[in-house]
Structure formats: C-alpha cells, structure tokens
Amino acid sequence: MRRFFKHRRRFMVAALGLLTFGLVGACHRHSWHDADRPAEMAERIADRISDKLDLDEGQQERTRELTLEIIESAKTMRSHRKEMAAELENQFKNQKFDEAALNSLADRSEKDLHNFRMTLVSKLSEFHSLLNEEQRQEAAELMGKFRDRFEQ
C-alpha cells in the first residue's frame, strides 16, 4: 500500500509541474496576464506545450480544451479574494472582531480550492492519457528541469 502512495505523490508533483510550467511559461514569455480572456490564455499555453512535446493536431485541440477548463475552474477559486479583503477591512473598522465571519469565508475558499484541485487532477489525468510514451518522457524531463530551476 505504501508503494502506491509513493507513486501517486510523484504523479501529482509531475502533473502539477507540467501545468505550472505551461502556465508560467506562457504568461511570462508573452507578458500576458489578462484573466478576462481565458480562451486566448488557454491557446497560448496549449501552443507552448504543443511546441515542447510535439503534439499532433488532435492532441493540440484537446490540450487547448483541457487548459481552458482548468483556467475557468481557477476563476471560481479566486472569486473570494476581494470579498475576503473587504470583510477583513470591515472587521478592523468594527468595535468587535468577528472571527466566525472570516472563518466562514475561509472555509468557502478552501472548498473552492478543493474543487479546483479535483478538476486539475482530473484534467491532468486526461492530458496524460493523450500523450504517447515518448511525449510523456519529454514532459517528465521538462518538469524536472522546471523543478530544478526553482530548487536552486
């Protein structure tokens, strides 16, 4: 049983690394941070991944779709930021600090994070199934290089 969890953790780290590599690479390379145009962002990320992994047309299209679904899912996760900041500001304006109100907002944010993680893992699993063995090995190498850059 312990061995299964060991491989599961490696898969999660690798999958999250690939997604992060695509997102960070696309945003940094093109200086594009406009969250109002998720389709364009998804296309740039998918194109970058496609170039690195030499995906065929069908794989490219499905990668674009998966990326857009992940981006859309992440939007809901970030939706509470302004609300949380406003509530915190209001708490400091009041005479009495209401911990329950902030904890309630934090609980909702944690649920959204959990839902995003579930979506992310599901979409990464679909992406993994799209790749052939050579592409998976190349993706693993890219993730290793990406991880090494951030461990220095």
N, C-alpha and C. Protein backbone atom coordinates (compact mmCIF):
# COMPACT_ATOMS: atom_id res chain seq x y z
N MET A 1 0.82 -1.19 0.00
CA MET A 1 0.00 0.00 0.00
C MET A 1 0.87 1.26 0.00
N ARG A 2 1.96 1.23 0.73
CA ARG A 2 2.84 2.39 0.81
C ARG A 2 3.41 2.73 -0.57
N ARG A 3 3.71 1.73 -1.36
CA ARG A 3 4.28 1.95 -2.68
C ARG A 3 3.30 2.73 -3.58
N PHE A 4 2.03 2.41 -3.50
CA PHE A 4 1.02 3.11 -4.29
C PHE A 4 1.03 4.61 -3.98
N PHE A 5 1.08 4.95 -2.71
CA PHE A 5 1.07 6.35 -2.33
C PHE A 5 2.34 7.06 -2.79
N LYS A 6 3.43 6.37 -2.80
CA LYS A 6 4.69 6.94 -3.24
C LYS A 6 4.59 7.34 -4.72
N HIS A 7 4.04 6.46 -5.55
CA HIS A 7 3.90 6.77 -6.97
C HIS A 7 2.83 7.82 -7.21
N ARG A 8 1.81 7.81 -6.40
CA ARG A 8 0.74 8.80 -6.55
C ARG A 8 1.30 10.20 -6.31
N ARG A 9 2.14 10.32 -5.31
CA ARG A 9 2.72 11.62 -5.00
C ARG A 9 3.61 12.10 -6.15
N ARG A 10 4.40 11.19 -6.71
CA ARG A 10 5.26 11.57 -7.84
C ARG A 10 4.41 12.02 -9.02
N PHE A 11 3.33 11.32 -9.27
CA PHE A 11 2.45 11.69 -10.38
C PHE A 11 1.87 13.08 -10.15
N MET A 12 1.41 13.35 -8.93
CA MET A 12 0.83 14.66 -8.63
C MET A 12 1.86 15.77 -8.81
N VAL A 13 3.06 15.55 -8.30
CA VAL A 13 4.11 16.56 -8.42
C VAL A 13 4.44 16.79 -9.89
N ALA A 14 4.55 15.72 -10.65
CA ALA A 14 4.86 15.85 -12.07
C ALA A 14 3.75 16.56 -12.82
N ALA A 15 2.51 16.19 -12.55
CA ALA A 15 1.37 16.78 -13.24
C ALA A 15 1.24 18.26 -12.90
N LEU A 16 1.35 18.59 -11.64
CA LEU A 16 1.26 19.99 -11.24
C LEU A 16 2.43 20.79 -11.82
N GLY A 17 3.60 20.15 -11.90
CA GLY A 17 4.75 20.82 -12.50
C GLY A 17 4.53 21.13 -13.97
N LEU A 18 3.96 20.18 -14.70
CA LEU A 18 3.70 20.41 -16.12
C LEU A 18 2.71 21.54 -16.32
N LEU A 19 1.65 21.54 -15.55
CA LEU A 19 0.66 22.60 -15.67
C LEU A 19 1.29 23.94 -15.31
N THR A 20 2.03 23.97 -14.21
CA THR A 20 2.67 25.20 -13.80
C THR A 20 3.66 25.66 -14.86
N PHE A 21 4.42 24.73 -15.41
CA PHE A 21 5.37 25.06 -16.47
C PHE A 21 4.64 25.73 -17.64
N GLY A 22 3.54 25.16 -18.04
CA GLY A 22 2.78 25.73 -19.15
C GLY A 22 2.22 27.09 -18.82
N LEU A 23 1.62 27.22 -17.65
CA LEU A 23 1.02 28.49 -17.26
C LEU A 23 2.06 29.59 -17.09
N VAL A 24 3.11 29.29 -16.34
CA VAL A 24 4.14 30.29 -16.08
C VAL A 24 4.88 30.62 -17.37
N GLY A 25 5.20 29.61 -18.14
CA GLY A 25 5.92 29.84 -19.39
C GLY A 25 5.12 30.70 -20.35
N ALA A 26 3.86 30.42 -20.48
CA ALA A 26 3.03 31.19 -21.41
C ALA A 26 2.83 32.62 -20.92
N CYS A 27 2.57 32.77 -19.65
CA CYS A 27 2.34 34.12 -19.11
C CYS A 27 3.62 34.95 -19.15
N HIS A 28 4.73 34.35 -18.75
CA HIS A 28 5.98 35.10 -18.70
C HIS A 28 6.50 35.40 -20.10
N ARG A 29 6.47 34.44 -20.95
CA ARG A 29 7.04 34.59 -22.30
C ARG A 29 6.31 35.65 -23.09
N HIS A 30 5.00 35.71 -22.95
CA HIS A 30 4.22 36.63 -23.75
C HIS A 30 3.75 37.84 -22.97
N SER A 31 4.14 37.94 -21.71
CA SER A 31 3.73 39.03 -20.83
C SER A 31 2.22 39.21 -20.87
N TRP A 32 1.52 38.09 -20.82
CA TRP A 32 0.06 38.12 -20.90
C TRP A 32 -0.52 37.69 -19.57
N HIS A 33 -1.21 38.60 -18.92
CA HIS A 33 -1.77 38.31 -17.61
C HIS A 33 -3.24 38.72 -17.56
N ASP A 34 -3.91 38.81 -18.67
CA ASP A 34 -5.29 39.26 -18.72
C ASP A 34 -6.23 38.10 -18.45
N ALA A 35 -6.78 38.06 -17.26
CA ALA A 35 -7.69 36.98 -16.88
C ALA A 35 -9.05 37.11 -17.53
N ASP A 36 -9.28 38.22 -18.22
CA ASP A 36 -10.58 38.42 -18.88
C ASP A 36 -10.67 37.68 -20.21
N ARG A 37 -9.57 37.15 -20.68
CA ARG A 37 -9.57 36.42 -21.96
C ARG A 37 -8.98 35.03 -21.78
N PRO A 38 -9.71 34.16 -21.08
CA PRO A 38 -9.16 32.83 -20.79
C PRO A 38 -8.94 31.98 -22.04
N ALA A 39 -9.73 32.19 -23.10
CA ALA A 39 -9.55 31.40 -24.31
C ALA A 39 -8.20 31.69 -24.95
N GLU A 40 -7.81 32.96 -24.96
CA GLU A 40 -6.51 33.32 -25.52
C GLU A 40 -5.38 32.76 -24.66
N MET A 41 -5.56 32.84 -23.36
CA MET A 41 -4.55 32.30 -22.46
C MET A 41 -4.41 30.80 -22.65
N ALA A 42 -5.54 30.11 -22.75
CA ALA A 42 -5.52 28.66 -22.95
C ALA A 42 -4.82 28.31 -24.26
N GLU A 43 -5.08 29.09 -25.30
CA GLU A 43 -4.45 28.82 -26.59
C GLU A 43 -2.94 29.00 -26.52
N ARG A 44 -2.50 30.05 -25.86
CA ARG A 44 -1.05 30.28 -25.74
C ARG A 44 -0.37 29.18 -24.93
N ILE A 45 -1.01 28.78 -23.85
CA ILE A 45 -0.44 27.71 -23.03
C ILE A 45 -0.39 26.41 -23.82
N ALA A 46 -1.48 26.09 -24.49
CA ALA A 46 -1.54 24.86 -25.28
C ALA A 46 -0.52 24.88 -26.41
N ASP A 47 -0.35 26.03 -27.05
CA ASP A 47 0.65 26.14 -28.11
C ASP A 47 2.06 25.91 -27.57
N ARG A 48 2.32 26.47 -26.41
CA ARG A 48 3.65 26.30 -25.80
C ARG A 48 3.90 24.83 -25.45
N ILE A 49 2.90 24.20 -24.86
CA ILE A 49 3.03 22.78 -24.52
C ILE A 49 3.17 21.95 -25.79
N SER A 50 2.40 22.30 -26.80
CA SER A 50 2.45 21.58 -28.07
C SER A 50 3.83 21.67 -28.71
N ASP A 51 4.41 22.85 -28.67
CA ASP A 51 5.75 23.03 -29.23
C ASP A 51 6.79 22.19 -28.49
N LYS A 52 6.67 22.16 -27.18
CA LYS A 52 7.64 21.42 -26.37
C LYS A 52 7.50 19.91 -26.53
N LEU A 53 6.26 19.44 -26.68
CA LEU A 53 6.01 17.99 -26.70
C LEU A 53 5.72 17.44 -28.10
N ASP A 54 5.72 18.32 -29.10
CA ASP A 54 5.45 17.91 -30.48
C ASP A 54 4.11 17.15 -30.58
N LEU A 55 3.05 17.82 -30.15
CA LEU A 55 1.72 17.21 -30.19
C LEU A 55 1.14 17.25 -31.60
N ASP A 56 0.32 16.26 -31.93
CA ASP A 56 -0.38 16.28 -33.21
C ASP A 56 -1.62 17.18 -33.09
N GLU A 57 -2.33 17.37 -34.18
CA GLU A 57 -3.47 18.30 -34.21
C GLU A 57 -4.56 17.91 -33.21
N GLY A 58 -4.89 16.65 -33.12
CA GLY A 58 -5.92 16.20 -32.19
C GLY A 58 -5.50 16.42 -30.74
N GLN A 59 -4.25 16.13 -30.45
CA GLN A 59 -3.73 16.35 -29.10
C GLN A 59 -3.71 17.84 -28.76
N GLN A 60 -3.35 18.66 -29.75
CA GLN A 60 -3.33 20.11 -29.53
C GLN A 60 -4.71 20.62 -29.17
N GLU A 61 -5.70 20.21 -29.93
CA GLU A 61 -7.07 20.69 -29.70
C GLU A 61 -7.57 20.28 -28.32
N ARG A 62 -7.35 19.03 -27.95
CA ARG A 62 -7.81 18.56 -26.65
C ARG A 62 -7.03 19.24 -25.53
N THR A 63 -5.74 19.51 -25.74
CA THR A 63 -4.94 20.23 -24.74
C THR A 63 -5.49 21.63 -24.54
N ARG A 64 -5.88 22.30 -25.63
CA ARG A 64 -6.50 23.62 -25.54
C ARG A 64 -7.77 23.56 -24.69
N GLU A 65 -8.60 22.57 -24.96
CA GLU A 65 -9.86 22.42 -24.23
C GLU A 65 -9.60 22.17 -22.74
N LEU A 66 -8.68 21.27 -22.45
CA LEU A 66 -8.36 20.95 -21.05
C LEU A 66 -7.81 22.18 -20.33
N THR A 67 -6.94 22.90 -21.00
CA THR A 67 -6.34 24.09 -20.40
C THR A 67 -7.41 25.14 -20.11
N LEU A 68 -8.33 25.35 -21.04
CA LEU A 68 -9.40 26.31 -20.82
C LEU A 68 -10.28 25.88 -19.64
N GLU A 69 -10.57 24.60 -19.54
CA GLU A 69 -11.37 24.11 -18.41
C GLU A 69 -10.66 24.35 -17.09
N ILE A 70 -9.36 24.17 -17.06
CA ILE A 70 -8.59 24.41 -15.84
C ILE A 70 -8.60 25.89 -15.48
N ILE A 71 -8.41 26.74 -16.48
CA ILE A 71 -8.40 28.18 -16.24
C ILE A 71 -9.76 28.65 -15.72
N GLU A 72 -10.82 28.16 -16.32
CA GLU A 72 -12.17 28.53 -15.88
C GLU A 72 -12.41 28.06 -14.45
N SER A 73 -11.94 26.88 -14.13
CA SER A 73 -12.09 26.34 -12.78
C SER A 73 -11.32 27.19 -11.77
N ALA A 74 -10.17 27.68 -12.17
CA ALA A 74 -9.35 28.51 -11.28
C ALA A 74 -10.02 29.85 -11.00
N LYS A 75 -10.81 30.34 -11.93
CA LYS A 75 -11.51 31.62 -11.72
C LYS A 75 -12.41 31.55 -10.50
N THR A 76 -13.13 30.46 -10.35
CA THR A 76 -14.03 30.35 -9.20
C THR A 76 -13.24 30.30 -7.90
N MET A 77 -12.05 29.71 -7.96
CA MET A 77 -11.22 29.63 -6.76
C MET A 77 -10.78 31.02 -6.32
N ARG A 78 -10.54 31.91 -7.26
CA ARG A 78 -10.04 33.25 -6.94
C ARG A 78 -11.15 34.25 -6.66
N SER A 79 -12.40 33.84 -6.79
CA SER A 79 -13.51 34.78 -6.71
C SER A 79 -13.70 35.40 -5.34
N HIS A 80 -13.17 34.79 -4.30
CA HIS A 80 -13.41 35.29 -2.95
C HIS A 80 -12.33 36.25 -2.44
N ARG A 81 -11.34 36.52 -3.23
CA ARG A 81 -10.25 37.37 -2.76
C ARG A 81 -10.74 38.76 -2.35
N LYS A 82 -11.49 39.40 -3.23
CA LYS A 82 -11.97 40.76 -2.94
C LYS A 82 -12.93 40.75 -1.76
N GLU A 83 -13.78 39.74 -1.72
CA GLU A 83 -14.73 39.64 -0.63
C GLU A 83 -14.00 39.45 0.71
N MET A 84 -12.98 38.62 0.71
CA MET A 84 -12.21 38.37 1.92
C MET A 84 -11.48 39.64 2.36
N ALA A 85 -10.89 40.35 1.43
CA ALA A 85 -10.18 41.59 1.77
C ALA A 85 -11.15 42.64 2.31
N ALA A 86 -12.32 42.76 1.70
CA ALA A 86 -13.32 43.73 2.17
C ALA A 86 -13.82 43.37 3.57
N GLU A 87 -14.04 42.08 3.80
CA GLU A 87 -14.51 41.64 5.12
C GLU A 87 -13.44 41.91 6.18
N LEU A 88 -12.20 41.66 5.86
CA LEU A 88 -11.11 41.92 6.81
C LEU A 88 -11.04 43.40 7.14
N GLU A 89 -11.17 44.24 6.12
CA GLU A 89 -11.16 45.68 6.33
C GLU A 89 -12.32 46.10 7.23
N ASN A 90 -13.50 45.53 6.97
CA ASN A 90 -14.68 45.85 7.80
C ASN A 90 -14.48 45.41 9.25
N GLN A 91 -13.84 44.28 9.44
CA GLN A 91 -13.60 43.79 10.80
C GLN A 91 -12.73 44.76 11.60
N PHE A 92 -11.77 45.37 10.95
CA PHE A 92 -10.92 46.32 11.65
C PHE A 92 -11.61 47.65 11.89
N LYS A 93 -12.65 47.95 11.12
CA LYS A 93 -13.43 49.16 11.35
C LYS A 93 -14.39 48.99 12.52
N ASN A 94 -14.83 47.77 12.77
CA ASN A 94 -15.80 47.50 13.82
C ASN A 94 -15.13 47.51 15.20
N GLN A 95 -15.97 47.67 16.21
CA GLN A 95 -15.50 47.62 17.60
C GLN A 95 -15.10 46.21 18.00
N LYS A 96 -15.85 45.23 17.50
CA LYS A 96 -15.60 43.84 17.88
C LYS A 96 -15.21 43.04 16.63
N PHE A 97 -14.17 42.24 16.78
CA PHE A 97 -13.67 41.41 15.67
C PHE A 97 -14.48 40.11 15.62
N ASP A 98 -15.09 39.83 14.46
CA ASP A 98 -15.93 38.64 14.29
C ASP A 98 -15.14 37.54 13.58
N GLU A 99 -14.57 36.64 14.37
CA GLU A 99 -13.77 35.55 13.82
C GLU A 99 -14.62 34.61 12.97
N ALA A 100 -15.85 34.39 13.37
CA ALA A 100 -16.73 33.46 12.66
C ALA A 100 -16.97 33.89 11.22
N ALA A 101 -17.13 35.19 11.01
CA ALA A 101 -17.37 35.68 9.64
C ALA A 101 -16.17 35.39 8.74
N LEU A 102 -14.98 35.67 9.25
CA LEU A 102 -13.77 35.40 8.46
C LEU A 102 -13.54 33.91 8.27
N ASN A 103 -13.79 33.14 9.29
CA ASN A 103 -13.63 31.69 9.17
C ASN A 103 -14.62 31.11 8.17
N SER A 104 -15.80 31.66 8.11
CA SER A 104 -16.80 31.20 7.14
C SER A 104 -16.32 31.45 5.70
N LEU A 105 -15.79 32.66 5.48
CA LEU A 105 -15.24 32.96 4.15
C LEU A 105 -14.05 32.07 3.82
N ALA A 106 -13.21 31.83 4.80
CA ALA A 106 -12.04 30.98 4.57
C ALA A 106 -12.46 29.54 4.27
N ASP A 107 -13.48 29.06 4.95
CA ASP A 107 -13.99 27.72 4.68
C ASP A 107 -14.50 27.60 3.25
N ARG A 108 -15.20 28.63 2.81
CA ARG A 108 -15.70 28.62 1.43
C ARG A 108 -14.55 28.62 0.44
N SER A 109 -13.51 29.39 0.72
CA SER A 109 -12.34 29.42 -0.16
C SER A 109 -11.65 28.06 -0.19
N GLU A 110 -11.58 27.40 0.95
CA GLU A 110 -10.96 26.07 1.00
C GLU A 110 -11.76 25.06 0.20
N LYS A 111 -13.08 25.17 0.22
CA LYS A 111 -13.92 24.28 -0.59
C LYS A 111 -13.67 24.52 -2.07
N ASP A 112 -13.56 25.80 -2.44
CA ASP A 112 -13.28 26.11 -3.84
C ASP A 112 -11.91 25.58 -4.25
N LEU A 113 -10.92 25.69 -3.37
CA LEU A 113 -9.59 25.16 -3.65
C LEU A 113 -9.65 23.65 -3.84
N HIS A 114 -10.41 22.98 -2.99
CA HIS A 114 -10.56 21.53 -3.11
C HIS A 114 -11.20 21.17 -4.45
N ASN A 115 -12.25 21.89 -4.83
CA ASN A 115 -12.90 21.63 -6.11
C ASN A 115 -11.95 21.88 -7.28
N PHE A 116 -11.15 22.94 -7.18
CA PHE A 116 -10.18 23.22 -8.23
C PHE A 116 -9.15 22.10 -8.33
N ARG A 117 -8.67 21.65 -7.18
CA ARG A 117 -7.67 20.57 -7.18
C ARG A 117 -8.23 19.31 -7.82
N MET A 118 -9.47 18.99 -7.51
CA MET A 118 -10.10 17.81 -8.10
C MET A 118 -10.21 17.96 -9.62
N THR A 119 -10.61 19.13 -10.08
CA THR A 119 -10.70 19.39 -11.51
C THR A 119 -9.32 19.31 -12.15
N LEU A 120 -8.33 19.92 -11.52
CA LEU A 120 -6.98 19.93 -12.05
C LEU A 120 -6.44 18.51 -12.21
N VAL A 121 -6.58 17.71 -11.19
CA VAL A 121 -6.07 16.34 -11.25
C VAL A 121 -6.79 15.55 -12.34
N SER A 122 -8.09 15.74 -12.45
CA SER A 122 -8.86 15.05 -13.48
C SER A 122 -8.39 15.44 -14.89
N LYS A 123 -8.20 16.73 -15.11
CA LYS A 123 -7.79 17.21 -16.43
C LYS A 123 -6.35 16.79 -16.74
N LEU A 124 -5.48 16.79 -15.72
CA LEU A 124 -4.12 16.33 -15.94
C LEU A 124 -4.09 14.85 -16.28
N SER A 125 -4.98 14.09 -15.67
CA SER A 125 -5.07 12.67 -15.99
C SER A 125 -5.49 12.48 -17.45
N GLU A 126 -6.46 13.28 -17.89
CA GLU A 126 -6.88 13.21 -19.29
C GLU A 126 -5.73 13.59 -20.22
N PHE A 127 -4.98 14.64 -19.85
CA PHE A 127 -3.84 15.06 -20.66
C PHE A 127 -2.80 13.95 -20.74
N HIS A 128 -2.52 13.33 -19.62
CA HIS A 128 -1.57 12.22 -19.57
C HIS A 128 -1.98 11.11 -20.53
N SER A 129 -3.27 10.81 -20.58
CA SER A 129 -3.75 9.74 -21.46
C SER A 129 -3.65 10.10 -22.94
N LEU A 130 -3.56 11.40 -23.25
CA LEU A 130 -3.42 11.84 -24.64
C LEU A 130 -2.01 11.57 -25.19
N LEU A 131 -1.04 11.56 -24.30
CA LEU A 131 0.36 11.50 -24.72
C LEU A 131 0.82 10.08 -24.99
N ASN A 132 1.72 9.96 -25.97
CA ASN A 132 2.36 8.66 -26.18
C ASN A 132 3.56 8.57 -25.23
N GLU A 133 4.22 7.45 -25.22
CA GLU A 133 5.31 7.21 -24.26
C GLU A 133 6.44 8.23 -24.42
N GLU A 134 6.81 8.52 -25.66
CA GLU A 134 7.89 9.48 -25.90
C GLU A 134 7.52 10.86 -25.38
N GLN A 135 6.29 11.28 -25.62
CA GLN A 135 5.84 12.60 -25.16
C GLN A 135 5.79 12.66 -23.63
N ARG A 136 5.38 11.56 -23.00
CA ARG A 136 5.36 11.53 -21.53
C ARG A 136 6.77 11.66 -20.97
N GLN A 137 7.73 10.99 -21.59
CA GLN A 137 9.11 11.09 -21.13
C GLN A 137 9.64 12.52 -21.30
N GLU A 138 9.31 13.14 -22.43
CA GLU A 138 9.73 14.53 -22.67
C GLU A 138 9.08 15.46 -21.65
N ALA A 139 7.80 15.24 -21.36
CA ALA A 139 7.11 16.05 -20.36
C ALA A 139 7.77 15.89 -18.99
N ALA A 140 8.12 14.67 -18.64
CA ALA A 140 8.78 14.42 -17.36
C ALA A 140 10.13 15.14 -17.29
N GLU A 141 10.87 15.11 -18.38
CA GLU A 141 12.16 15.82 -18.42
C GLU A 141 11.97 17.32 -18.25
N LEU A 142 10.97 17.87 -18.93
CA LEU A 142 10.69 19.31 -18.81
C LEU A 142 10.29 19.67 -17.38
N MET A 143 9.49 18.82 -16.77
CA MET A 143 9.10 19.07 -15.38
C MET A 143 10.30 19.01 -14.45
N GLY A 144 11.20 18.09 -14.71
CA GLY A 144 12.42 18.00 -13.91
C GLY A 144 13.26 19.26 -14.04
N LYS A 145 13.41 19.76 -15.25
CA LYS A 145 14.17 21.00 -15.47
C LYS A 145 13.49 22.17 -14.77
N PHE A 146 12.17 22.22 -14.87
CA PHE A 146 11.40 23.29 -14.23
C PHE A 146 11.58 23.23 -12.71
N ARG A 147 11.48 22.02 -12.15
CA ARG A 147 11.64 21.84 -10.71
C ARG A 147 13.05 22.25 -10.28
N ASP A 148 14.05 21.87 -11.05
CA ASP A 148 15.43 22.21 -10.71
C ASP A 148 15.66 23.72 -10.68
N ARG A 149 15.01 24.44 -11.59
CA ARG A 149 15.15 25.91 -11.60
C ARG A 149 14.66 26.52 -10.30
N PHE A 150 13.61 25.96 -9.72
CA PHE A 150 13.05 26.55 -8.53
C PHE A 150 13.64 26.00 -7.24
N GLU A 151 14.43 24.96 -7.34
CA GLU A 151 15.08 24.42 -6.15
C GLU A 151 16.43 25.08 -5.89
N GLN A 152 16.92 25.85 -6.82
CA GLN A 152 18.24 26.48 -6.66
C GLN A 152 18.17 27.64 -5.71
